[in-house]
Every structure is written in C-alpha cells, then in structure tokens.
Amino acid sequence: MTDIVLALVMLAAFALVVGAYLLWKRTGEAKQPLLMLLLAAIAGMNVLIWTIPTADGSAPIDQVKAAGGESPQPNSE
C-alpha cells in the first residue's frame, strides 16, 4: 500500500510540473506556476526522504513495513 502512495505522490508531482508549465504558457503569470513547482519539489523530496537508505542500509519505508505498519496482503489461495 505504501508503494502505491509513493507512486501517486510522484504522479501528482509530475502533473504539477506539467500543469505549471501549461499555466505559465497560457497566462504568462509566474506566481501560481512557481508555487506549483515548489509543491512538486516538496512532494519529490518527501518521496526521496522515505526511500533513500540510511547509514545502516535500510530505508524508512522498509522500517515501517517491517514494524507492521502496512496491512498484510490477502491470501490469494
């Protein structure tokens, strides 16, 4: 489930970048597109924080999964 959330955050960040470019080209305004780019950068940094391994070699997302923070997958049998 956490992998899906991280993927959705990255898709949203990509959509923000594209939307910022289109808004800038259409209106010529700079404030809102810059804020959209800032939000996309913050979202990308959050994904990096969760996925980059620490000094001991485990990423925070792996620690959450190991601690039982993710619900078990249903048995498909």
N, C-alpha and C. Protein backbone atom coordinates (compact mmCIF):
# COMPACT_ATOMS: atom_id res chain seq x y z
N MET A 1 0.81 -1.19 0.00
CA MET A 1 0.00 0.00 0.00
C MET A 1 0.86 1.27 0.00
N THR A 2 1.95 1.23 0.75
CA THR A 2 2.81 2.41 0.80
C THR A 2 3.47 2.66 -0.55
N ASP A 3 3.75 1.60 -1.30
CA ASP A 3 4.33 1.78 -2.63
C ASP A 3 3.35 2.51 -3.55
N ILE A 4 2.07 2.20 -3.41
CA ILE A 4 1.05 2.87 -4.21
C ILE A 4 0.98 4.35 -3.86
N VAL A 5 1.06 4.65 -2.57
CA VAL A 5 1.00 6.05 -2.13
C VAL A 5 2.19 6.82 -2.68
N LEU A 6 3.38 6.25 -2.59
CA LEU A 6 4.57 6.93 -3.11
C LEU A 6 4.47 7.13 -4.62
N ALA A 7 3.93 6.15 -5.32
CA ALA A 7 3.76 6.28 -6.77
C ALA A 7 2.76 7.38 -7.10
N LEU A 8 1.68 7.46 -6.35
CA LEU A 8 0.69 8.51 -6.59
C LEU A 8 1.25 9.90 -6.30
N VAL A 9 2.09 9.99 -5.27
CA VAL A 9 2.71 11.29 -4.97
C VAL A 9 3.62 11.71 -6.11
N MET A 10 4.38 10.78 -6.68
CA MET A 10 5.25 11.12 -7.80
C MET A 10 4.43 11.48 -9.06
N LEU A 11 3.33 10.78 -9.29
CA LEU A 11 2.47 11.14 -10.42
C LEU A 11 1.87 12.53 -10.23
N ALA A 12 1.48 12.84 -9.01
CA ALA A 12 0.94 14.17 -8.72
C ALA A 12 2.01 15.24 -8.93
N ALA A 13 3.24 14.95 -8.52
CA ALA A 13 4.32 15.91 -8.71
C ALA A 13 4.57 16.14 -10.20
N PHE A 14 4.55 15.08 -10.98
CA PHE A 14 4.73 15.22 -12.42
C PHE A 14 3.59 16.04 -13.02
N ALA A 15 2.36 15.78 -12.58
CA ALA A 15 1.21 16.53 -13.08
C ALA A 15 1.32 18.01 -12.69
N LEU A 16 1.85 18.30 -11.51
CA LEU A 16 2.04 19.68 -11.10
C LEU A 16 3.05 20.40 -11.99
N VAL A 17 4.12 19.71 -12.34
CA VAL A 17 5.13 20.32 -13.21
C VAL A 17 4.53 20.62 -14.59
N VAL A 18 3.81 19.66 -15.15
CA VAL A 18 3.19 19.87 -16.46
C VAL A 18 2.14 20.98 -16.38
N GLY A 19 1.32 20.94 -15.33
CA GLY A 19 0.30 21.97 -15.16
C GLY A 19 0.89 23.35 -14.97
N ALA A 20 2.00 23.44 -14.25
CA ALA A 20 2.66 24.73 -14.06
C ALA A 20 3.16 25.29 -15.38
N TYR A 21 3.73 24.44 -16.19
CA TYR A 21 4.23 24.88 -17.50
C TYR A 21 3.07 25.36 -18.38
N LEU A 22 1.99 24.57 -18.40
CA LEU A 22 0.85 24.95 -19.24
C LEU A 22 0.20 26.25 -18.74
N LEU A 23 0.09 26.41 -17.44
CA LEU A 23 -0.49 27.63 -16.89
C LEU A 23 0.39 28.83 -17.20
N TRP A 24 1.69 28.66 -17.09
CA TRP A 24 2.62 29.75 -17.40
C TRP A 24 2.54 30.15 -18.87
N LYS A 25 2.48 29.15 -19.75
CA LYS A 25 2.41 29.44 -21.19
C LYS A 25 1.07 30.10 -21.55
N ARG A 26 -0.02 29.68 -20.89
CA ARG A 26 -1.33 30.19 -21.25
C ARG A 26 -1.57 31.60 -20.73
N THR A 27 -1.15 31.86 -19.46
CA THR A 27 -1.47 33.15 -18.85
C THR A 27 -0.28 34.09 -18.77
N GLY A 28 0.92 33.56 -18.77
CA GLY A 28 2.09 34.39 -18.60
C GLY A 28 2.34 34.76 -17.15
N GLU A 29 1.45 34.34 -16.29
CA GLU A 29 1.60 34.62 -14.86
C GLU A 29 2.71 33.75 -14.30
N ALA A 30 3.40 34.23 -13.28
CA ALA A 30 4.52 33.47 -12.75
C ALA A 30 4.29 32.95 -11.34
N LYS A 31 3.46 33.63 -10.55
CA LYS A 31 3.34 33.28 -9.14
C LYS A 31 2.75 31.88 -8.94
N GLN A 32 1.60 31.59 -9.52
CA GLN A 32 0.98 30.28 -9.32
C GLN A 32 1.81 29.13 -9.91
N PRO A 33 2.35 29.27 -11.12
CA PRO A 33 3.21 28.18 -11.61
C PRO A 33 4.43 27.94 -10.73
N LEU A 34 5.02 29.00 -10.19
CA LEU A 34 6.16 28.80 -9.29
C LEU A 34 5.76 28.08 -8.02
N LEU A 35 4.59 28.42 -7.49
CA LEU A 35 4.10 27.71 -6.31
C LEU A 35 3.81 26.24 -6.62
N MET A 36 3.31 25.97 -7.81
CA MET A 36 3.07 24.59 -8.22
C MET A 36 4.39 23.83 -8.34
N LEU A 37 5.41 24.48 -8.89
CA LEU A 37 6.73 23.83 -8.98
C LEU A 37 7.33 23.60 -7.59
N LEU A 38 7.11 24.55 -6.68
CA LEU A 38 7.58 24.37 -5.31
C LEU A 38 6.90 23.17 -4.65
N LEU A 39 5.60 23.04 -4.83
CA LEU A 39 4.88 21.91 -4.27
C LEU A 39 5.35 20.59 -4.88
N ALA A 40 5.63 20.58 -6.18
CA ALA A 40 6.13 19.37 -6.83
C ALA A 40 7.50 18.99 -6.27
N ALA A 41 8.35 19.99 -6.02
CA ALA A 41 9.68 19.72 -5.45
C ALA A 41 9.55 19.18 -4.03
N ILE A 42 8.65 19.74 -3.25
CA ILE A 42 8.45 19.26 -1.88
C ILE A 42 7.95 17.82 -1.89
N ALA A 43 7.01 17.51 -2.79
CA ALA A 43 6.49 16.14 -2.88
C ALA A 43 7.60 15.17 -3.28
N GLY A 44 8.42 15.56 -4.25
CA GLY A 44 9.53 14.70 -4.67
C GLY A 44 10.54 14.50 -3.55
N MET A 45 10.82 15.55 -2.80
CA MET A 45 11.76 15.42 -1.68
C MET A 45 11.20 14.49 -0.60
N ASN A 46 9.90 14.56 -0.36
CA ASN A 46 9.30 13.66 0.62
C ASN A 46 9.44 12.20 0.20
N VAL A 47 9.24 11.93 -1.08
CA VAL A 47 9.42 10.55 -1.56
C VAL A 47 10.88 10.12 -1.40
N LEU A 48 11.80 11.02 -1.70
CA LEU A 48 13.22 10.69 -1.52
C LEU A 48 13.55 10.41 -0.05
N ILE A 49 13.00 11.21 0.85
CA ILE A 49 13.26 11.00 2.27
C ILE A 49 12.80 9.62 2.71
N TRP A 50 11.66 9.18 2.19
CA TRP A 50 11.13 7.88 2.59
C TRP A 50 11.85 6.71 1.94
N THR A 51 12.48 6.93 0.78
CA THR A 51 13.03 5.79 0.04
C THR A 51 14.55 5.69 0.04
N ILE A 52 15.27 6.76 0.34
CA ILE A 52 16.74 6.70 0.33
C ILE A 52 17.21 5.98 1.59
N PRO A 53 18.07 4.98 1.46
CA PRO A 53 18.56 4.24 2.62
C PRO A 53 19.38 5.11 3.57
N THR A 54 19.31 4.78 4.84
CA THR A 54 20.11 5.47 5.85
C THR A 54 21.49 4.82 5.92
N ALA A 55 22.29 5.22 6.90
CA ALA A 55 23.65 4.69 7.02
C ALA A 55 23.67 3.19 7.27
N ASP A 56 22.64 2.65 7.91
CA ASP A 56 22.62 1.21 8.19
C ASP A 56 22.07 0.41 7.01
N GLY A 57 21.68 1.08 5.94
CA GLY A 57 21.27 0.38 4.73
C GLY A 57 19.78 0.14 4.59
N SER A 58 18.99 0.58 5.56
CA SER A 58 17.54 0.38 5.45
C SER A 58 16.86 1.73 5.26
N ALA A 59 15.88 1.74 4.38
CA ALA A 59 15.13 2.95 4.11
C ALA A 59 14.01 3.08 5.14
N PRO A 60 13.57 4.29 5.45
CA PRO A 60 12.46 4.45 6.41
C PRO A 60 11.21 3.69 5.99
N ILE A 61 10.93 3.60 4.71
CA ILE A 61 9.76 2.86 4.25
C ILE A 61 9.87 1.38 4.58
N ASP A 62 11.10 0.84 4.51
CA ASP A 62 11.31 -0.56 4.87
C ASP A 62 11.11 -0.77 6.36
N GLN A 63 11.49 0.20 7.17
CA GLN A 63 11.31 0.10 8.61
C GLN A 63 9.83 0.11 8.97
N VAL A 64 9.04 0.90 8.26
CA VAL A 64 7.60 0.93 8.51
C VAL A 64 6.98 -0.41 8.14
N LYS A 65 7.39 -0.95 7.00
CA LYS A 65 6.85 -2.24 6.58
C LYS A 65 7.24 -3.34 7.56
N ALA A 66 8.48 -3.32 8.05
CA ALA A 66 8.96 -4.34 8.99
C ALA A 66 8.26 -4.25 10.34
N ALA A 67 7.87 -3.04 10.71
CA ALA A 67 7.21 -2.84 12.01
C ALA A 67 5.73 -3.19 11.96
N GLY A 68 5.26 -3.58 10.81
CA GLY A 68 3.85 -3.96 10.70
C GLY A 68 2.95 -2.78 10.37
N GLY A 69 3.53 -1.70 9.91
CA GLY A 69 2.74 -0.53 9.57
C GLY A 69 1.92 -0.70 8.32
N GLU A 70 2.22 -1.73 7.54
CA GLU A 70 1.46 -1.99 6.33
C GLU A 70 0.62 -3.23 6.55
N SER A 71 -0.63 -3.15 6.15
CA SER A 71 -1.53 -4.27 6.37
C SER A 71 -1.08 -5.46 5.52
N PRO A 72 -1.26 -6.67 6.03
CA PRO A 72 -0.84 -7.85 5.26
C PRO A 72 -1.69 -8.03 4.01
N GLN A 73 -1.05 -8.59 3.01
CA GLN A 73 -1.74 -8.85 1.75
C GLN A 73 -2.70 -10.02 1.92
N PRO A 74 -3.88 -9.95 1.33
CA PRO A 74 -4.81 -11.08 1.44
C PRO A 74 -4.25 -12.30 0.71
N ASN A 75 -4.56 -13.45 1.24
CA ASN A 75 -4.09 -14.70 0.66
C ASN A 75 -4.90 -14.99 -0.60
N SER A 76 -4.21 -15.23 -1.71
CA SER A 76 -4.90 -15.43 -2.98
C SER A 76 -5.24 -16.89 -3.26
N GLU A 77 -5.01 -17.75 -2.28
CA GLU A 77 -5.28 -19.17 -2.50
C GLU A 77 -6.73 -19.51 -2.28
